PDB file of N, CA and C in Angstrom:
ATOM      1  N   MET A   1       0.814  -1.198   0.000  1.00  0.00           N
ATOM      2  CA  MET A   1       0.000   0.000   0.000  1.00  0.00           C
ATOM      3  C   MET A   1       0.858   1.264   0.000  1.00  0.00           C
ATOM      4  N   ILE A   2       1.992   1.241   0.688  1.00  0.00           N
ATOM      5  CA  ILE A   2       2.842   2.431   0.731  1.00  0.00           C
ATOM      6  C   ILE A   2       3.406   2.743  -0.649  1.00  0.00           C
ATOM      7  N   ALA A   3       3.717   1.711  -1.433  1.00  0.00           N
ATOM      8  CA  ALA A   3       4.242   1.936  -2.778  1.00  0.00           C
ATOM      9  C   ALA A   3       3.207   2.635  -3.652  1.00  0.00           C
ATOM     10  N   ASP A   4       1.938   2.220  -3.536  1.00  0.00           N
ATOM     11  CA  ASP A   4       0.873   2.864  -4.298  1.00  0.00           C
ATOM     12  C   ASP A   4       0.696   4.318  -3.864  1.00  0.00           C
ATOM     13  N   ALA A   5       0.744   4.550  -2.566  1.00  0.00           N
ATOM     14  CA  ALA A   5       0.612   5.907  -2.043  1.00  0.00           C
ATOM     15  C   ALA A   5       1.764   6.781  -2.537  1.00  0.00           C
ATOM     16  N   LEU A   6       2.980   6.252  -2.498  1.00  0.00           N
ATOM     17  CA  LEU A   6       4.137   7.017  -2.951  1.00  0.00           C
ATOM     18  C   LEU A   6       4.027   7.328  -4.441  1.00  0.00           C
ATOM     19  N   ALA A   7       3.566   6.376  -5.225  1.00  0.00           N
ATOM     20  CA  ALA A   7       3.395   6.622  -6.660  1.00  0.00           C
ATOM     21  C   ALA A   7       2.389   7.748  -6.899  1.00  0.00           C
ATOM     22  N   ARG A   8       1.314   7.769  -6.132  1.00  0.00           N
ATOM     23  CA  ARG A   8       0.318   8.838  -6.265  1.00  0.00           C
ATOM     24  C   ARG A   8       0.897  10.181  -5.856  1.00  0.00           C
ATOM     25  N   ILE A   9       1.692  10.188  -4.792  1.00  0.00           N
ATOM     26  CA  ILE A   9       2.333  11.430  -4.340  1.00  0.00           C
ATOM     27  C   ILE A   9       3.290  11.949  -5.410  1.00  0.00           C
ATOM     28  N   MET A  10       4.120  11.066  -5.946  1.00  0.00           N
ATOM     29  CA  MET A  10       5.087  11.487  -6.964  1.00  0.00           C
ATOM     30  C   MET A  10       4.377  12.006  -8.217  1.00  0.00           C
ATOM     31  N   ALA A  11       3.237  11.435  -8.556  1.00  0.00           N
ATOM     32  CA  ALA A  11       2.476  11.894  -9.713  1.00  0.00           C
ATOM     33  C   ALA A  11       1.910  13.299  -9.500  1.00  0.00           C
ATOM     34  N   GLN A  12       1.731  13.689  -8.250  1.00  0.00           N
ATOM     35  CA  GLN A  12       1.176  15.009  -7.922  1.00  0.00           C
ATOM     36  C   GLN A  12       2.251  16.063  -7.644  1.00  0.00           C
ATOM     37  N   ARG A  13       3.493  15.670  -7.742  1.00  0.00           N
ATOM     38  CA  ARG A  13       4.615  16.569  -7.455  1.00  0.00           C
ATOM     39  C   ARG A  13       4.694  17.665  -8.519  1.00  0.00           C
ATOM     40  N   ARG A  14       4.883  18.902  -8.053  1.00  0.00           N
ATOM     41  CA  ARG A  14       5.055  20.056  -8.940  1.00  0.00           C
ATOM     42  C   ARG A  14       6.349  20.759  -8.543  1.00  0.00           C
ATOM     43  N   TYR A  15       7.244  20.926  -9.505  1.00  0.00           N
ATOM     44  CA  TYR A  15       8.521  21.577  -9.227  1.00  0.00           C
ATOM     45  C   TYR A  15       8.282  23.081  -9.148  1.00  0.00           C
ATOM     46  N   PRO A  16       8.570  23.706  -8.021  1.00  0.00           N
ATOM     47  CA  PRO A  16       8.360  25.154  -7.915  1.00  0.00           C
ATOM     48  C   PRO A  16       9.213  25.917  -8.932  1.00  0.00           C
ATOM     49  N   GLU A  17       8.611  26.851  -9.632  1.00  0.00           N
ATOM     50  CA  GLU A  17       9.322  27.593 -10.669  1.00  0.00           C
ATOM     51  C   GLU A  17      10.542  28.329 -10.112  1.00  0.00           C
ATOM     52  N   LEU A  18      10.397  28.924  -8.934  1.00  0.00           N
ATOM     53  CA  LEU A  18      11.526  29.646  -8.343  1.00  0.00           C
ATOM     54  C   LEU A  18      12.676  28.688  -8.031  1.00  0.00           C
ATOM     55  N   ALA A  19      12.368  27.512  -7.536  1.00  0.00           N
ATOM     56  CA  ALA A  19      13.405  26.510  -7.268  1.00  0.00           C
ATOM     57  C   ALA A  19      14.065  26.080  -8.571  1.00  0.00           C
ATOM     58  N   ARG A  20      13.274  25.933  -9.621  1.00  0.00           N
ATOM     59  CA  ARG A  20      13.811  25.548 -10.930  1.00  0.00           C
ATOM     60  C   ARG A  20      14.788  26.625 -11.431  1.00  0.00           C
ATOM     61  N   ARG A  21      14.369  27.885 -11.340  1.00  0.00           N
ATOM     62  CA  ARG A  21      15.227  28.983 -11.818  1.00  0.00           C
ATOM     63  C   ARG A  21      16.519  29.072 -11.009  1.00  0.00           C
ATOM     64  N   ARG A  22      16.444  28.754  -9.732  1.00  0.00           N
ATOM     65  CA  ARG A  22      17.632  28.806  -8.867  1.00  0.00           C
ATOM     66  C   ARG A  22      18.486  27.545  -8.957  1.00  0.00           C
ATOM     67  N   GLY A  23      17.996  26.531  -9.660  1.00  0.00           N
ATOM     68  CA  GLY A  23      18.739  25.285  -9.780  1.00  0.00           C
ATOM     69  C   GLY A  23      18.719  24.437  -8.521  1.00  0.00           C
ATOM     70  N   VAL A  24      17.683  24.607  -7.700  1.00  0.00           N
ATOM     71  CA  VAL A  24      17.581  23.875  -6.438  1.00  0.00           C
ATOM     72  C   VAL A  24      17.058  22.465  -6.702  1.00  0.00           C
ATOM     73  N   GLU A  25      17.763  21.476  -6.214  1.00  0.00           N
ATOM     74  CA  GLU A  25      17.363  20.079  -6.316  1.00  0.00           C
ATOM     75  C   GLU A  25      17.486  19.437  -4.938  1.00  0.00           C
ATOM     76  N   GLY A  26      16.876  18.274  -4.789  1.00  0.00           N
ATOM     77  CA  GLY A  26      17.075  17.543  -3.553  1.00  0.00           C
ATOM     78  C   GLY A  26      15.971  16.560  -3.237  1.00  0.00           C
ATOM     79  N   ARG A  27      16.118  15.951  -2.076  1.00  0.00           N
ATOM     80  CA  ARG A  27      15.178  14.952  -1.578  1.00  0.00           C
ATOM     81  C   ARG A  27      14.628  15.445  -0.247  1.00  0.00           C
ATOM     82  N   VAL A  28      13.312  15.494  -0.171  1.00  0.00           N
ATOM     83  CA  VAL A  28      12.635  15.890   1.063  1.00  0.00           C
ATOM     84  C   VAL A  28      12.071  14.633   1.709  1.00  0.00           C
ATOM     85  N   ARG A  29      12.377  14.424   2.969  1.00  0.00           N
ATOM     86  CA  ARG A  29      11.750  13.329   3.724  1.00  0.00           C
ATOM     87  C   ARG A  29      10.669  13.978   4.566  1.00  0.00           C
ATOM     88  N   ILE A  30       9.423  13.571   4.302  1.00  0.00           N
ATOM     89  CA  ILE A  30       8.286  14.182   4.970  1.00  0.00           C
ATOM     90  C   ILE A  30       7.485  13.118   5.714  1.00  0.00           C
ATOM     91  N   ALA A  31       7.096  13.449   6.929  1.00  0.00           N
ATOM     92  CA  ALA A  31       6.275  12.557   7.750  1.00  0.00           C
ATOM     93  C   ALA A  31       4.873  13.149   7.818  1.00  0.00           C
ATOM     94  N   PHE A  32       3.883  12.270   7.850  1.00  0.00           N
ATOM     95  CA  PHE A  32       2.497  12.709   7.951  1.00  0.00           C
ATOM     96  C   PHE A  32       1.645  11.547   8.435  1.00  0.00           C
ATOM     97  N   HIS A  33       0.398  11.821   8.709  1.00  0.00           N
ATOM     98  CA  HIS A  33      -0.544  10.805   9.173  1.00  0.00           C
ATOM     99  C   HIS A  33      -1.676  10.687   8.168  1.00  0.00           C
ATOM    100  N   VAL A  34      -2.064   9.442   7.869  1.00  0.00           N
ATOM    101  CA  VAL A  34      -3.226   9.193   7.017  1.00  0.00           C
ATOM    102  C   VAL A  34      -4.267   8.496   7.880  1.00  0.00           C
ATOM    103  N   ASP A  35      -5.418   9.155   8.061  1.00  0.00           N
ATOM    104  CA  ASP A  35      -6.452   8.578   8.928  1.00  0.00           C
ATOM    105  C   ASP A  35      -7.269   7.515   8.191  1.00  0.00           C
ATOM    106  N   GLY A  36      -8.236   6.966   8.872  1.00  0.00           N
ATOM    107  CA  GLY A  36      -9.047   5.874   8.328  1.00  0.00           C
ATOM    108  C   GLY A  36      -9.866   6.238   7.111  1.00  0.00           C
ATOM    109  N   THR A  37     -10.082   7.546   6.889  1.00  0.00           N
ATOM    110  CA  THR A  37     -10.842   7.987   5.711  1.00  0.00           C
ATOM    111  C   THR A  37      -9.935   8.410   4.564  1.00  0.00           C
ATOM    112  N   GLY A  38      -8.608   8.340   4.779  1.00  0.00           N
ATOM    113  CA  GLY A  38      -7.661   8.707   3.732  1.00  0.00           C
ATOM    114  C   GLY A  38      -7.198  10.146   3.779  1.00  0.00           C
ATOM    115  N   ARG A  39      -7.698  10.902   4.771  1.00  0.00           N
ATOM    116  CA  ARG A  39      -7.251  12.293   4.905  1.00  0.00           C
ATOM    117  C   ARG A  39      -5.842  12.340   5.483  1.00  0.00           C
ATOM    118  N   VAL A  40      -5.080  13.338   5.037  1.00  0.00           N
ATOM    119  CA  VAL A  40      -3.699  13.491   5.484  1.00  0.00           C
ATOM    120  C   VAL A  40      -3.566  14.727   6.367  1.00  0.00           C
ATOM    121  N   GLY A  41      -2.613  14.679   7.288  1.00  0.00           N
ATOM    122  CA  GLY A  41      -2.358  15.819   8.171  1.00  0.00           C
ATOM    123  C   GLY A  41      -1.156  15.542   9.034  1.00  0.00           C
ATOM    124  N   GLY A  42      -0.883  16.448   9.949  1.00  0.00           N
ATOM    125  CA  GLY A  42       0.240  16.271  10.867  1.00  0.00           C
ATOM    126  C   GLY A  42       1.581  16.255  10.172  1.00  0.00           C
ATOM    127  N   PHE A  43       1.749  17.131   9.201  1.00  0.00           N
ATOM    128  CA  PHE A  43       2.980  17.153   8.410  1.00  0.00           C
ATOM    129  C   PHE A  43       4.179  17.586   9.239  1.00  0.00           C
ATOM    130  N   ARG A  44       5.316  16.936   8.951  1.00  0.00           N
ATOM    131  CA  ARG A  44       6.583  17.299   9.579  1.00  0.00           C
ATOM    132  C   ARG A  44       7.702  16.964   8.601  1.00  0.00           C
ATOM    133  N   VAL A  45       8.547  17.937   8.326  1.00  0.00           N
ATOM    134  CA  VAL A  45       9.698  17.695   7.460  1.00  0.00           C
ATOM    135  C   VAL A  45      10.789  17.055   8.311  1.00  0.00           C
ATOM    136  N   VAL A  46      11.152  15.842   7.948  1.00  0.00           N
ATOM    137  CA  VAL A  46      12.180  15.087   8.676  1.00  0.00           C
ATOM    138  C   VAL A  46      13.562  15.477   8.160  1.00  0.00           C
ATOM    139  N   ARG A  47      13.673  15.620   6.841  1.00  0.00           N
ATOM    140  CA  ARG A  47      14.931  16.041   6.215  1.00  0.00           C
ATOM    141  C   ARG A  47      14.591  17.027   5.113  1.00  0.00           C
ATOM    142  N   SER A  48      15.098  18.224   5.254  1.00  0.00           N
ATOM    143  CA  SER A  48      14.802  19.302   4.325  1.00  0.00           C
ATOM    144  C   SER A  48      15.799  19.323   3.172  1.00  0.00           C
ATOM    145  N   ALA A  49      15.299  19.702   2.001  1.00  0.00           N
ATOM    146  CA  ALA A  49      16.181  19.955   0.863  1.00  0.00           C
ATOM    147  C   ALA A  49      16.301  21.459   0.645  1.00  0.00           C
ATOM    148  N   ASP A  50      15.205  22.152   0.815  1.00  0.00           N
ATOM    149  CA  ASP A  50      15.089  23.592   0.640  1.00  0.00           C
ATOM    150  C   ASP A  50      13.646  23.933   1.007  1.00  0.00           C
ATOM    151  N   GLU A  51      13.407  25.094   1.553  1.00  0.00           N
ATOM    152  CA  GLU A  51      12.049  25.447   1.972  1.00  0.00           C
ATOM    153  C   GLU A  51      11.046  25.356   0.824  1.00  0.00           C
ATOM    154  N   LEU A  52      11.454  25.763  -0.372  1.00  0.00           N
ATOM    155  CA  LEU A  52      10.559  25.684  -1.533  1.00  0.00           C
ATOM    156  C   LEU A  52      10.181  24.232  -1.842  1.00  0.00           C
ATOM    157  N   LEU A  53      11.163  23.349  -1.770  1.00  0.00           N
ATOM    158  CA  LEU A  53      10.900  21.940  -2.066  1.00  0.00           C
ATOM    159  C   LEU A  53      10.137  21.280  -0.926  1.00  0.00           C
ATOM    160  N   ASP A  54      10.399  21.696   0.304  1.00  0.00           N
ATOM    161  CA  ASP A  54       9.651  21.163   1.449  1.00  0.00           C
ATOM    162  C   ASP A  54       8.160  21.448   1.273  1.00  0.00           C
ATOM    163  N   ASP A  55       7.838  22.691   0.925  1.00  0.00           N
ATOM    164  CA  ASP A  55       6.435  23.067   0.706  1.00  0.00           C
ATOM    165  C   ASP A  55       5.828  22.295  -0.455  1.00  0.00           C
ATOM    166  N   ALA A  56       6.605  22.111  -1.518  1.00  0.00           N
ATOM    167  CA  ALA A  56       6.106  21.378  -2.684  1.00  0.00           C
ATOM    168  C   ALA A  56       5.832  19.916  -2.341  1.00  0.00           C
ATOM    169  N   ALA A  57       6.644  19.332  -1.479  1.00  0.00           N
ATOM    170  CA  ALA A  57       6.429  17.942  -1.063  1.00  0.00           C
ATOM    171  C   ALA A  57       5.123  17.823  -0.275  1.00  0.00           C
ATOM    172  N   ARG A  58       4.894  18.741   0.662  1.00  0.00           N
ATOM    173  CA  ARG A  58       3.643  18.734   1.436  1.00  0.00           C
ATOM    174  C   ARG A  58       2.441  18.908   0.513  1.00  0.00           C
ATOM    175  N   GLU A  59       2.539  19.814  -0.437  1.00  0.00           N
ATOM    176  CA  GLU A  59       1.439  20.042  -1.375  1.00  0.00           C
ATOM    177  C   GLU A  59       1.169  18.808  -2.230  1.00  0.00           C
ATOM    178  N   ALA A  60       2.214  18.079  -2.610  1.00  0.00           N
ATOM    179  CA  ALA A  60       2.033  16.856  -3.402  1.00  0.00           C
ATOM    180  C   ALA A  60       1.261  15.812  -2.600  1.00  0.00           C
ATOM    181  N   VAL A  61       1.577  15.675  -1.315  1.00  0.00           N
ATOM    182  CA  VAL A  61       0.852  14.733  -0.460  1.00  0.00           C
ATOM    183  C   VAL A  61      -0.610  15.155  -0.348  1.00  0.00           C
ATOM    184  N   GLU A  62      -0.844  16.430  -0.152  1.00  0.00           N
ATOM    185  CA  GLU A  62      -2.227  16.919  -0.035  1.00  0.00           C
ATOM    186  C   GLU A  62      -3.022  16.659  -1.316  1.00  0.00           C
ATOM    187  N   ARG A  63      -2.402  16.891  -2.483  1.00  0.00           N
ATOM    188  CA  ARG A  63      -3.091  16.661  -3.766  1.00  0.00           C
ATOM    189  C   ARG A  63      -3.355  15.179  -4.007  1.00  0.00           C
ATOM    190  N   ALA A  64      -2.492  14.302  -3.474  1.00  0.00           N
ATOM    191  CA  ALA A  64      -2.636  12.856  -3.692  1.00  0.00           C
ATOM    192  C   ALA A  64      -3.763  12.256  -2.858  1.00  0.00           C
ATOM    193  N   ALA A  65      -4.189  12.957  -1.816  1.00  0.00           N
ATOM    194  CA  ALA A  65      -5.255  12.448  -0.936  1.00  0.00           C
ATOM    195  C   ALA A  65      -6.580  12.393  -1.689  1.00  0.00           C
ATOM    196  N   PRO A  66      -7.422  11.447  -1.324  1.00  0.00           N
ATOM    197  CA  PRO A  66      -7.288  10.528  -0.198  1.00  0.00           C
ATOM    198  C   PRO A  66      -6.322   9.382  -0.515  1.00  0.00           C
ATOM    199  N   LEU A  67      -5.598   8.985   0.503  1.00  0.00           N
ATOM    200  CA  LEU A  67      -4.649   7.877   0.410  1.00  0.00           C
ATOM    201  C   LEU A  67      -5.163   6.698   1.224  1.00  0.00           C
ATOM    202  N   PRO A  68      -4.600   5.512   1.015  1.00  0.00           N
ATOM    203  CA  PRO A  68      -4.991   4.371   1.850  1.00  0.00           C
ATOM    204  C   PRO A  68      -4.726   4.694   3.324  1.00  0.00           C
ATOM    205  N   PRO A  69      -5.528   4.178   4.227  1.00  0.00           N
ATOM    206  CA  PRO A  69      -5.348   4.471   5.663  1.00  0.00           C
ATOM    207  C   PRO A  69      -4.077   3.820   6.200  1.00  0.00           C
ATOM    208  N   LEU A  70      -2.986   4.554   6.144  1.00  0.00           N
ATOM    209  CA  LEU A  70      -1.667   4.021   6.498  1.00  0.00           C
ATOM    210  C   LEU A  70      -1.208   4.376   7.898  1.00  0.00           C
ATOM    211  N   GLY A  71      -1.898   5.278   8.572  1.00  0.00           N
ATOM    212  CA  GLY A  71      -1.430   5.723   9.879  1.00  0.00           C
ATOM    213  C   GLY A  71      -0.279   6.694   9.712  1.00  0.00           C
ATOM    214  N   ASP A  72       0.751   6.557  10.559  1.00  0.00           N
ATOM    215  CA  ASP A  72       1.920   7.430  10.478  1.00  0.00           C
ATOM    216  C   ASP A  72       2.873   6.926   9.407  1.00  0.00           C
ATOM    217  N   VAL A  73       3.297   7.842   8.530  1.00  0.00           N
ATOM    218  CA  VAL A  73       4.104   7.479   7.363  1.00  0.00           C
ATOM    219  C   VAL A  73       5.246   8.480   7.197  1.00  0.00           C
ATOM    220  N   GLU A  74       6.377   8.012   6.671  1.00  0.00           N
ATOM    221  CA  GLU A  74       7.476   8.870   6.211  1.00  0.00           C
ATOM    222  C   GLU A  74       7.819   8.442   4.794  1.00  0.00           C
ATOM    223  N   VAL A  75       7.932   9.434   3.906  1.00  0.00           N
ATOM    224  CA  VAL A  75       8.306   9.143   2.519  1.00  0.00           C
ATOM    225  C   VAL A  75       9.340  10.147   2.048  1.00  0.00           C
ATOM    226  N   ASP A  76      10.105   9.755   1.033  1.00  0.00           N
ATOM    227  CA  ASP A  76      11.041  10.644   0.366  1.00  0.00           C
ATOM    228  C   ASP A  76      10.408  11.145  -0.917  1.00  0.00           C
ATOM    229  N   VAL A  77      10.465  12.446  -1.126  1.00  0.00           N
ATOM    230  CA  VAL A  77       9.965  13.055  -2.357  1.00  0.00           C
ATOM    231  C   VAL A  77      11.170  13.709  -3.027  1.00  0.00           C
ATOM    232  N   ASP A  78      11.509  13.225  -4.222  1.00  0.00           N
ATOM    233  CA  ASP A  78      12.688  13.693  -4.948  1.00  0.00           C
ATOM    234  C   ASP A  78      12.321  14.792  -5.932  1.00  0.00           C
ATOM    235  N   PHE A  79      13.194  15.786  -6.017  1.00  0.00           N
ATOM    236  CA  PHE A  79      13.068  16.860  -6.982  1.00  0.00           C
ATOM    237  C   PHE A  79      14.399  17.008  -7.689  1.00  0.00           C
ATOM    238  N   HIS A  80      14.439  16.670  -8.986  1.00  0.00           N
ATOM    239  CA  HIS A  80      15.671  16.760  -9.765  1.00  0.00           C
ATOM    240  C   HIS A  80      15.370  17.425 -11.095  1.00  0.00           C
ATOM    241  N   LEU A  81      16.218  18.358 -11.480  1.00  0.00           N
ATOM    242  CA  LEU A  81      16.098  19.012 -12.766  1.00  0.00           C
ATOM    243  C   LEU A  81      16.643  18.071 -13.835  1.00  0.00           C
ATOM    244  N   ASP A  82      15.991  18.055 -14.961  1.00  0.00           N
ATOM    245  CA  ASP A  82      16.454  17.188 -16.059  1.00  0.00           C
ATOM    246  C   ASP A  82      17.200  17.989 -17.101  1.00  0.00           C
TER     247      ASP A  82
END
């Protein structure tokens, strides 16, 4: 179930334009809770890449909801320029 949730989160990822222009890349490790109805909340950045990317990771999780009821979760969200 976590793999499916991560795939949905990655599909909702949006690279912030300002981060793109600045050449900012990295991996954000974000923790959150998914309740029994699939709602997400309780966000906490475990490992920051940059404030812009941290916010983008949280927004990707929010857009991916509802997610399977996973309880407390930590995932890595990667942002790399191509």
